[in-house]
Amino acid sequence: MKPKLILSLLAVLVVGGGLAFYIVKSGRAPAAKTAGAEGETAKGPHGGRLLKDGDFTLELAIVEAGIPPEFRAWFTQGGKPLAPSGMKLTVELKRPGNVIDRHAFVPEGDYLRSPDEVYEPHSFDYTIVAEHAGRTHRWAFEAPELQVTVGAEAATRAGVVAEVAGPATMIEALAVYGQVKLNANKVGRAVPRFGGIVREARKSLGDTVTAGEVVALLETNLSLATIEVKAPIAGIIVDRDVNAGETVTEGAALYTIADLADVWIDLNIPKRDQARVKVGQSAIIHADDGGPEAKGTISWISPVSSAEAQTLVARVVLANADQRWRPGLFVKAEISLAEKTVPVAVKESAVQSLFDFTVVFSQHGELYQARPLELGRRGGGYVEVLKGLKAGERYVTENSFLIKADIGKSGASHDH
């Protein structure tokens, strides 16, 4: 067999194999293009796609420089421009998910334009009908953009998960730091009514006492009588300032007792945020070491700021029956400043940057389409969608970066 014939057969096999791989990978054959000199889509003088039917030519462009994207169309016949007033043009777009947009056109200057916005993504199958001088011209072609097909089994192995977009409650939160403190309204001190010598100091730090329990015995200085010092409240010994044999004065605090059934969480509010923090707002409290988490409500705000730190104290009273919130510990918190339910929101973790867009990837069976978004409020792990995705549409929520990488590897671009 001749060398040239062998090379020709190999070339056919390579091209055929490549085409077969594409169809298996994408689930569709490559879309037909109106070819230019180098196999690319032919462009007209206005940068639009050229479509021909005999000597009749339509140039269709998406124009978006400084305006919402719109279609504009120019016509020629036999190389000569045609007046737009004598034309009738309709463009039907089929988007992923079988969403159909229909665009009618009106004359403006030397072209026709579509009053309706051609919203992103500009990825659709075209059906175009132009009528002129009693003749009808039709074109149909695919123009996919920023999309990739991934088989269900491959997506499952990769951990790609999709969920339905819908309403969400957006919480605007302020992150602050603070400290666990004793509830000063539930602290008592065991004190003697007379001065004298301590004969017994019965309790140690951390001991539990009941209200009225004897915690120390004193011999008075004047009468040498023995008197009892009792706990004024039930709680835990958190401070001890007494030892047997010591002389103490009348009213000296021998023991400090605290009821730790609840504690104060004093949060430090920076000056710039003080006007936004109000009594009644909820706060999620986190142990600074990543330990427990609890929810409470701001019950008091200090009327005076710290002169040194320029911060204001906002206080949350937190239940502490299991004593996991130990006074002295540092904490961090998110104070909910405002809550609003929005009609469409997506998880923040799903949002990716692709080319010049902020996107999520909608799922249509095994087809994944980049959807440029206009975003609003953020909070609670969600972000509001103002434009670009509707409630009820499925979008990738986990491992969306893998879909982004596949689109990048496919060489997709944003090109009309």
Protein backbone atom coordinates (compact mmCIF):
# COMPACT_ATOMS: atom_id res chain seq x y z
CA MET A 1 0.00 0.00 0.00
CA LYS A 2 1.30 3.47 -0.90
CA PRO A 3 2.46 5.77 1.95
CA LYS A 4 0.09 8.58 0.88
CA LEU A 5 -2.90 6.22 0.95
CA ILE A 6 -1.93 4.96 4.42
CA LEU A 7 -1.69 8.56 5.73
CA SER A 8 -5.07 9.43 4.22
CA LEU A 9 -6.74 6.45 5.90
CA LEU A 10 -5.15 7.33 9.25
CA ALA A 11 -6.41 10.89 8.94
CA VAL A 12 -9.95 9.67 8.29
CA LEU A 13 -9.77 7.36 11.32
CA VAL A 14 -8.48 10.16 13.59
CA VAL A 15 -11.17 12.62 12.49
CA GLY A 16 -13.89 9.97 12.75
CA GLY A 17 -12.68 8.87 16.17
CA GLY A 18 -12.61 12.44 17.39
CA LEU A 19 -16.15 13.05 16.17
CA ALA A 20 -17.37 9.84 17.84
CA PHE A 21 -15.74 10.90 21.14
CA TYR A 22 -17.43 14.30 20.97
CA ILE A 23 -20.85 12.80 20.35
CA VAL A 24 -20.43 10.29 23.21
CA LYS A 25 -19.08 12.96 25.52
CA SER A 26 -21.61 15.69 24.72
CA GLY A 27 -24.60 13.64 23.64
CA ARG A 28 -25.01 15.75 20.49
CA ALA A 29 -23.31 16.26 17.15
CA PRO A 30 -21.49 19.57 16.59
CA ALA A 31 -23.85 22.34 15.50
CA ALA A 32 -23.75 23.39 11.85
CA LYS A 33 -22.14 26.78 11.26
CA THR A 34 -22.33 29.33 8.54
CA ALA A 35 -18.74 28.98 7.45
CA GLY A 36 -16.31 31.74 6.72
CA ALA A 37 -13.07 31.46 4.86
CA GLU A 38 -11.37 29.61 7.70
CA GLY A 39 -14.25 27.45 8.92
CA GLU A 40 -15.47 29.99 11.47
CA THR A 41 -18.94 31.54 11.58
CA ALA A 42 -19.07 34.23 8.90
CA LYS A 43 -19.25 37.76 10.28
CA GLY A 44 -20.82 40.78 8.63
CA PRO A 45 -19.72 44.42 8.65
CA HIS A 46 -21.60 45.04 11.94
CA GLY A 47 -19.99 42.05 13.68
CA GLY A 48 -23.10 39.88 13.38
CA ARG A 49 -23.64 36.38 12.01
CA LEU A 50 -24.21 36.20 8.24
CA LEU A 51 -27.07 33.99 7.04
CA LYS A 52 -27.64 33.48 3.30
CA ASP A 53 -30.44 32.14 1.17
CA GLY A 54 -29.44 32.53 -2.47
CA ASP A 55 -28.59 36.19 -3.02
CA PHE A 56 -30.61 37.21 0.09
CA THR A 57 -28.43 37.83 3.16
CA LEU A 58 -29.35 38.56 6.78
CA GLU A 59 -26.77 39.83 9.26
CA LEU A 60 -27.99 39.19 12.83
CA ALA A 61 -26.05 40.64 15.78
CA ILE A 62 -26.49 40.84 19.54
CA VAL A 63 -25.59 44.40 20.53
CA GLU A 64 -24.92 45.08 24.21
CA ALA A 65 -22.39 47.93 24.41
CA GLY A 66 -23.81 50.21 27.12
CA ILE A 67 -27.37 48.87 26.69
CA PRO A 68 -29.26 45.69 27.65
CA PRO A 69 -28.50 43.06 24.98
CA GLU A 70 -30.77 43.31 21.93
CA PHE A 71 -30.92 41.84 18.44
CA ARG A 72 -30.22 44.01 15.43
CA ALA A 73 -30.61 42.87 11.84
CA TRP A 74 -29.42 44.20 8.47
CA PHE A 75 -30.44 42.86 5.05
CA THR A 76 -28.95 42.82 1.56
CA GLN A 77 -29.98 41.29 -1.71
CA GLY A 78 -27.52 40.87 -4.51
CA GLY A 79 -25.04 42.76 -2.37
CA LYS A 80 -27.29 45.84 -2.09
CA PRO A 81 -28.81 47.02 1.24
CA LEU A 82 -32.55 46.52 1.74
CA ALA A 83 -34.74 49.00 3.61
CA PRO A 84 -35.83 47.57 7.00
CA SER A 85 -39.35 48.95 6.53
CA GLY A 86 -40.03 46.30 3.88
CA MET A 87 -38.91 43.39 6.09
CA LYS A 88 -40.65 41.12 8.58
CA LEU A 89 -38.38 39.16 10.92
CA THR A 90 -39.00 36.77 13.82
CA VAL A 91 -36.35 34.96 15.85
CA GLU A 92 -37.24 32.03 18.09
CA LEU A 93 -34.69 30.96 20.70
CA LYS A 94 -34.81 27.59 22.42
CA ARG A 95 -32.77 27.61 25.61
CA PRO A 96 -31.64 24.66 27.77
CA GLY A 97 -34.65 23.32 29.64
CA ASN A 98 -36.89 23.89 26.58
CA VAL A 99 -37.45 27.55 27.42
CA ILE A 100 -38.70 29.37 24.32
CA ASP A 101 -38.17 33.10 23.69
CA ARG A 102 -39.74 34.76 20.66
CA HIS A 103 -38.44 38.08 19.36
CA ALA A 104 -40.33 40.34 16.97
CA PHE A 105 -38.56 43.27 15.32
CA VAL A 106 -39.27 46.93 14.56
CA PRO A 107 -37.49 49.26 12.11
CA GLU A 108 -34.93 51.72 13.44
CA GLY A 109 -32.53 53.59 11.17
CA ASP A 110 -31.03 51.20 8.64
CA TYR A 111 -31.77 48.06 10.66
CA LEU A 112 -34.43 46.13 12.54
CA ARG A 113 -34.17 45.75 16.31
CA SER A 114 -35.85 43.57 18.93
CA PRO A 115 -37.38 45.66 21.75
CA ASP A 116 -37.09 42.72 24.19
CA GLU A 117 -33.81 42.04 25.99
CA VAL A 118 -31.78 39.05 24.87
CA TYR A 119 -30.84 38.00 28.36
CA GLU A 120 -27.83 35.88 29.30
CA PRO A 121 -26.77 33.20 28.72
CA HIS A 122 -26.63 33.64 24.98
CA SER A 123 -26.79 29.89 24.48
CA PHE A 124 -29.67 28.68 22.37
CA ASP A 125 -30.96 26.99 19.21
CA TYR A 126 -32.13 29.50 16.62
CA THR A 127 -35.16 29.35 14.34
CA ILE A 128 -35.24 32.45 12.11
CA VAL A 129 -37.88 33.49 9.61
CA ALA A 130 -37.49 36.55 7.36
CA GLU A 131 -40.17 37.69 4.88
CA HIS A 132 -39.47 40.07 1.99
CA ALA A 133 -41.20 40.77 -1.31
CA GLY A 134 -43.48 37.76 -0.99
CA ARG A 135 -40.64 35.32 -0.23
CA THR A 136 -39.93 33.54 3.06
CA HIS A 137 -36.39 32.75 4.16
CA ARG A 138 -35.72 30.28 7.02
CA TRP A 139 -32.66 29.29 8.99
CA ALA A 140 -32.20 26.95 11.95
CA PHE A 141 -28.95 26.27 13.77
CA GLU A 142 -27.46 25.65 17.21
CA ALA A 143 -25.32 28.20 19.06
CA PRO A 144 -24.36 26.61 22.41
CA GLU A 145 -22.25 28.69 24.78
CA LEU A 146 -20.70 28.12 28.22
CA GLN A 147 -22.16 24.63 28.64
CA VAL A 148 -20.96 21.07 29.02
CA THR A 149 -22.52 17.62 29.08
CA VAL A 150 -21.58 15.25 31.92
CA GLY A 151 -23.04 11.76 32.18
CA ALA A 152 -25.15 11.05 35.27
CA GLU A 153 -22.79 8.31 36.49
CA ALA A 154 -19.71 10.54 36.08
CA ALA A 155 -21.45 13.42 37.89
CA THR A 156 -22.39 11.14 40.78
CA ARG A 157 -18.83 9.82 41.09
CA ALA A 158 -17.53 13.39 41.13
CA GLY A 159 -19.94 14.38 43.91
CA VAL A 160 -21.85 16.89 41.78
CA VAL A 161 -25.14 17.71 43.54
CA ALA A 162 -27.98 19.86 42.23
CA GLU A 163 -30.88 21.44 44.12
CA VAL A 164 -33.88 23.58 43.26
CA ALA A 165 -33.57 27.37 43.55
CA GLY A 166 -36.34 29.04 45.54
CA PRO A 167 -37.21 31.47 48.33
CA ALA A 168 -34.88 31.95 51.28
CA THR A 169 -34.72 34.12 54.36
CA MET A 170 -31.72 36.39 54.10
CA ILE A 171 -30.17 37.34 57.43
CA GLU A 172 -27.92 40.39 57.56
CA ALA A 173 -25.53 39.55 60.39
CA LEU A 174 -22.87 41.50 62.29
CA ALA A 175 -19.86 39.50 63.52
CA VAL A 176 -18.54 40.60 66.91
CA TYR A 177 -16.51 39.27 69.83
CA GLY A 178 -17.21 39.17 73.53
CA GLN A 179 -16.80 37.32 76.83
CA VAL A 180 -18.79 35.08 79.17
CA LYS A 181 -19.42 36.76 82.53
CA LEU A 182 -21.22 35.95 85.76
CA ASN A 183 -24.84 37.07 85.95
CA ALA A 184 -24.36 39.82 88.53
CA ASN A 185 -28.02 39.53 89.54
CA LYS A 186 -27.35 35.97 90.71
CA VAL A 187 -24.16 36.45 92.73
CA GLY A 188 -24.09 36.41 96.55
CA ARG A 189 -21.36 36.86 99.16
CA ALA A 190 -21.11 35.06 102.49
CA VAL A 191 -20.14 37.71 105.10
CA PRO A 192 -19.94 37.68 108.94
CA ARG A 193 -22.09 40.09 110.96
CA PHE A 194 -19.22 40.59 113.42
CA GLY A 195 -15.46 40.51 113.17
CA GLY A 196 -13.48 37.65 114.73
CA ILE A 197 -11.27 34.63 114.24
CA VAL A 198 -12.22 32.00 111.67
CA ARG A 199 -12.50 28.63 113.37
CA GLU A 200 -13.79 26.67 110.31
CA ALA A 201 -13.76 27.40 106.59
CA ARG A 202 -15.93 24.58 105.28
CA LYS A 203 -16.05 25.17 101.51
CA SER A 204 -13.54 25.15 98.66
CA LEU A 205 -13.59 26.69 95.18
CA GLY A 206 -16.07 24.90 92.93
CA ASP A 207 -18.12 23.43 95.76
CA THR A 208 -21.90 23.53 95.45
CA VAL A 209 -23.87 25.09 98.27
CA THR A 210 -27.56 25.56 99.11
CA ALA A 211 -29.19 28.75 100.32
CA GLY A 212 -28.74 29.06 104.12
CA GLU A 213 -26.02 26.41 104.30
CA VAL A 214 -23.28 27.13 106.89
CA VAL A 215 -20.00 27.77 105.09
CA ALA A 216 -17.83 29.07 107.99
CA LEU A 217 -17.69 29.43 111.78
CA LEU A 218 -16.26 32.51 113.56
CA GLU A 219 -15.40 33.30 117.18
CA THR A 220 -16.31 36.95 117.77
CA ASN A 221 -13.73 39.37 119.15
CA LEU A 222 -15.97 40.81 121.89
CA SER A 223 -18.02 37.98 123.33
CA LEU A 224 -15.98 35.03 122.09
CA ALA A 225 -19.30 33.55 120.94
CA THR A 226 -19.31 31.27 117.93
CA ILE A 227 -21.38 32.52 115.01
CA GLU A 228 -22.31 30.90 111.74
CA VAL A 229 -21.67 32.40 108.31
CA LYS A 230 -24.32 31.19 105.85
CA ALA A 231 -24.59 31.10 102.04
CA PRO A 232 -27.13 33.77 100.95
CA ILE A 233 -28.05 31.90 97.74
CA ALA A 234 -27.68 28.47 96.20
CA GLY A 235 -24.89 28.08 93.69
CA ILE A 236 -21.20 27.38 93.25
CA ILE A 237 -18.25 28.83 95.15
CA VAL A 238 -16.44 30.95 92.56
CA ASP A 239 -14.18 32.88 94.97
CA ARG A 240 -12.80 32.13 98.44
CA ASP A 241 -11.00 34.68 100.61
CA VAL A 242 -10.83 32.92 103.96
CA ASN A 243 -8.73 30.36 105.86
CA ALA A 244 -9.10 28.88 109.36
CA GLY A 245 -7.23 30.88 111.99
CA GLU A 246 -7.44 34.18 110.15
CA THR A 247 -8.96 37.28 111.69
CA VAL A 248 -11.66 38.83 109.53
CA THR A 249 -13.57 42.06 109.82
CA GLU A 250 -17.29 42.60 109.99
CA GLY A 251 -18.83 42.41 106.49
CA ALA A 252 -15.75 40.88 104.81
CA ALA A 253 -16.63 38.66 101.80
CA LEU A 254 -15.43 35.21 102.81
CA TYR A 255 -17.01 33.38 99.85
CA THR A 256 -18.50 34.51 96.54
CA ILE A 257 -21.30 32.26 95.34
CA ALA A 258 -22.76 32.33 91.85
CA ASP A 259 -25.84 30.70 90.38
CA LEU A 260 -24.54 29.53 86.97
CA ALA A 261 -27.95 28.44 85.65
CA ASP A 262 -27.53 31.37 83.27
CA VAL A 263 -24.67 33.69 82.37
CA TRP A 264 -24.11 37.03 80.67
CA ILE A 265 -22.55 37.18 77.22
CA ASP A 266 -21.15 40.69 76.90
CA LEU A 267 -20.56 41.51 73.24
CA ASN A 268 -18.32 44.39 72.20
CA ILE A 269 -19.96 46.49 69.46
CA PRO A 270 -17.58 48.68 67.39
CA LYS A 271 -18.43 52.35 67.11
CA ARG A 272 -19.35 52.16 63.39
CA ASP A 273 -22.04 49.51 64.07
CA GLN A 274 -23.55 50.76 67.32
CA ALA A 275 -26.53 52.49 65.69
CA ARG A 276 -27.61 49.21 64.02
CA VAL A 277 -27.66 47.05 67.16
CA LYS A 278 -30.96 47.01 69.08
CA VAL A 279 -32.50 45.28 72.08
CA GLY A 280 -34.50 42.27 70.91
CA GLN A 281 -32.20 41.25 68.07
CA SER A 282 -31.17 37.61 68.06
CA ALA A 283 -27.56 36.47 68.22
CA ILE A 284 -25.82 33.16 67.63
CA ILE A 285 -23.01 32.64 70.12
CA HIS A 286 -19.95 30.50 69.33
CA ALA A 287 -17.23 29.39 71.72
CA ASP A 288 -14.00 30.99 70.50
CA ASP A 289 -12.30 27.59 70.43
CA GLY A 290 -14.88 26.19 67.99
CA GLY A 291 -16.82 24.43 70.74
CA PRO A 292 -20.50 24.87 71.63
CA GLU A 293 -23.01 27.15 69.90
CA ALA A 294 -26.17 28.74 71.30
CA LYS A 295 -28.81 31.28 70.33
CA GLY A 296 -29.99 34.16 72.49
CA THR A 297 -31.50 37.64 72.37
CA ILE A 298 -29.96 41.00 73.18
CA SER A 299 -31.64 42.13 76.41
CA TRP A 300 -29.56 45.17 77.36
CA ILE A 301 -27.24 47.68 75.74
CA SER A 302 -24.87 49.76 77.82
CA PRO A 303 -25.67 53.49 77.83
CA VAL A 304 -21.95 54.26 77.97
CA SER A 305 -19.15 53.35 75.56
CA SER A 306 -15.67 52.21 76.51
CA ALA A 307 -13.39 55.25 76.35
CA GLU A 308 -10.35 53.13 75.54
CA ALA A 309 -11.75 50.69 72.96
CA GLN A 310 -14.63 52.88 71.73
CA THR A 311 -16.95 49.88 71.97
CA LEU A 312 -20.41 49.43 73.42
CA VAL A 313 -21.56 46.36 75.38
CA ALA A 314 -24.62 44.49 74.13
CA ARG A 315 -25.68 41.77 76.54
CA VAL A 316 -27.25 38.39 75.93
CA VAL A 317 -28.50 36.35 78.91
CA LEU A 318 -27.77 32.74 78.05
CA ALA A 319 -29.16 29.62 79.71
CA ASN A 320 -26.32 27.53 81.16
CA ALA A 321 -27.89 24.56 82.94
CA ASP A 322 -25.08 22.24 81.83
CA GLN A 323 -22.45 24.89 82.76
CA ARG A 324 -20.70 24.62 79.41
CA TRP A 325 -20.46 28.42 79.17
CA ARG A 326 -17.80 29.16 81.75
CA PRO A 327 -17.31 32.76 82.89
CA GLY A 328 -14.08 34.21 81.54
CA LEU A 329 -14.22 32.42 78.17
CA PHE A 330 -14.03 34.51 75.00
CA VAL A 331 -16.78 34.08 72.41
CA LYS A 332 -17.70 35.28 68.95
CA ALA A 333 -21.22 36.01 67.78
CA GLU A 334 -23.37 36.91 64.78
CA ILE A 335 -26.06 39.46 65.58
CA SER A 336 -29.03 39.37 63.21
CA LEU A 337 -29.55 42.96 62.15
CA ALA A 338 -32.34 42.32 59.64
CA GLU A 339 -34.25 39.46 58.03
CA LYS A 340 -35.97 39.45 54.66
CA THR A 341 -37.47 36.64 52.61
CA VAL A 342 -36.52 36.85 48.93
CA PRO A 343 -38.24 34.96 46.08
CA VAL A 344 -35.07 33.40 44.62
CA ALA A 345 -31.77 32.62 46.32
CA VAL A 346 -28.87 30.23 45.77
CA LYS A 347 -26.23 28.86 48.09
CA GLU A 348 -23.13 31.03 48.24
CA SER A 349 -20.99 27.91 47.85
CA ALA A 350 -22.55 27.34 44.40
CA VAL A 351 -21.45 30.70 42.96
CA GLN A 352 -18.43 30.71 40.66
CA SER A 353 -16.56 33.24 38.51
CA LEU A 354 -16.39 32.35 34.82
CA PHE A 355 -14.80 34.71 32.32
CA ASP A 356 -16.35 38.10 33.16
CA PHE A 357 -19.45 36.62 34.82
CA THR A 358 -20.64 35.55 38.24
CA VAL A 359 -22.48 32.30 37.58
CA VAL A 360 -24.14 29.18 38.85
CA PHE A 361 -24.62 26.11 36.68
CA SER A 362 -28.19 25.09 35.91
CA GLN A 363 -28.83 21.38 35.34
CA HIS A 364 -30.93 20.08 32.46
CA GLY A 365 -30.57 16.31 32.59
CA GLU A 366 -26.92 15.69 31.73
CA LEU A 367 -26.44 19.21 30.34
CA TYR A 368 -24.97 21.90 32.59
CA GLN A 369 -25.34 25.54 31.54
CA ALA A 370 -23.46 28.51 33.01
CA ARG A 371 -26.02 31.11 34.12
CA PRO A 372 -24.70 34.66 34.61
CA LEU A 373 -26.41 36.20 37.63
CA GLU A 374 -27.20 39.60 39.06
CA LEU A 375 -26.96 39.19 42.83
CA GLY A 376 -28.41 41.05 45.81
CA ARG A 377 -28.31 40.50 49.55
CA ARG A 378 -26.11 37.90 51.21
CA GLY A 379 -26.63 36.15 54.51
CA GLY A 380 -26.98 32.80 56.21
CA GLY A 381 -25.00 31.05 53.50
CA TYR A 382 -27.34 32.22 50.71
CA VAL A 383 -27.27 35.02 48.16
CA GLU A 384 -30.30 36.66 46.57
CA VAL A 385 -30.73 36.29 42.80
CA LEU A 386 -32.11 39.44 41.18
CA LYS A 387 -31.73 38.21 37.63
CA GLY A 388 -30.48 35.15 35.75
CA LEU A 389 -32.23 32.20 37.47
CA LYS A 390 -35.86 31.50 38.31
CA ALA A 391 -37.45 29.72 41.25
CA GLY A 392 -37.90 26.02 40.50
CA GLU A 393 -34.77 25.69 38.35
CA ARG A 394 -32.14 23.16 39.35
CA TYR A 395 -28.59 24.37 39.88
CA VAL A 396 -25.36 22.75 41.06
CA THR A 397 -24.82 23.28 44.79
CA GLU A 398 -21.85 21.00 45.47
CA ASN A 399 -18.62 20.65 43.51
CA SER A 400 -19.71 23.30 41.02
CA PHE A 401 -16.02 24.07 40.44
CA LEU A 402 -15.77 20.74 38.58
CA ILE A 403 -18.40 21.91 36.07
CA LYS A 404 -16.51 25.19 35.73
CA ALA A 405 -13.29 23.27 35.04
CA ASP A 406 -15.00 21.11 32.39
CA ILE A 407 -16.33 24.19 30.60
CA GLY A 408 -12.86 25.73 30.73
CA LYS A 409 -11.27 22.56 29.32
CA SER A 410 -13.81 22.47 26.48
CA GLY A 411 -12.56 25.85 25.27
CA ALA A 412 -15.99 27.45 25.59
CA SER A 413 -16.16 31.22 25.36
CA HIS A 414 -18.62 34.07 25.48
CA ASP A 415 -18.87 34.92 21.79
CA HIS A 416 -21.81 35.88 19.63
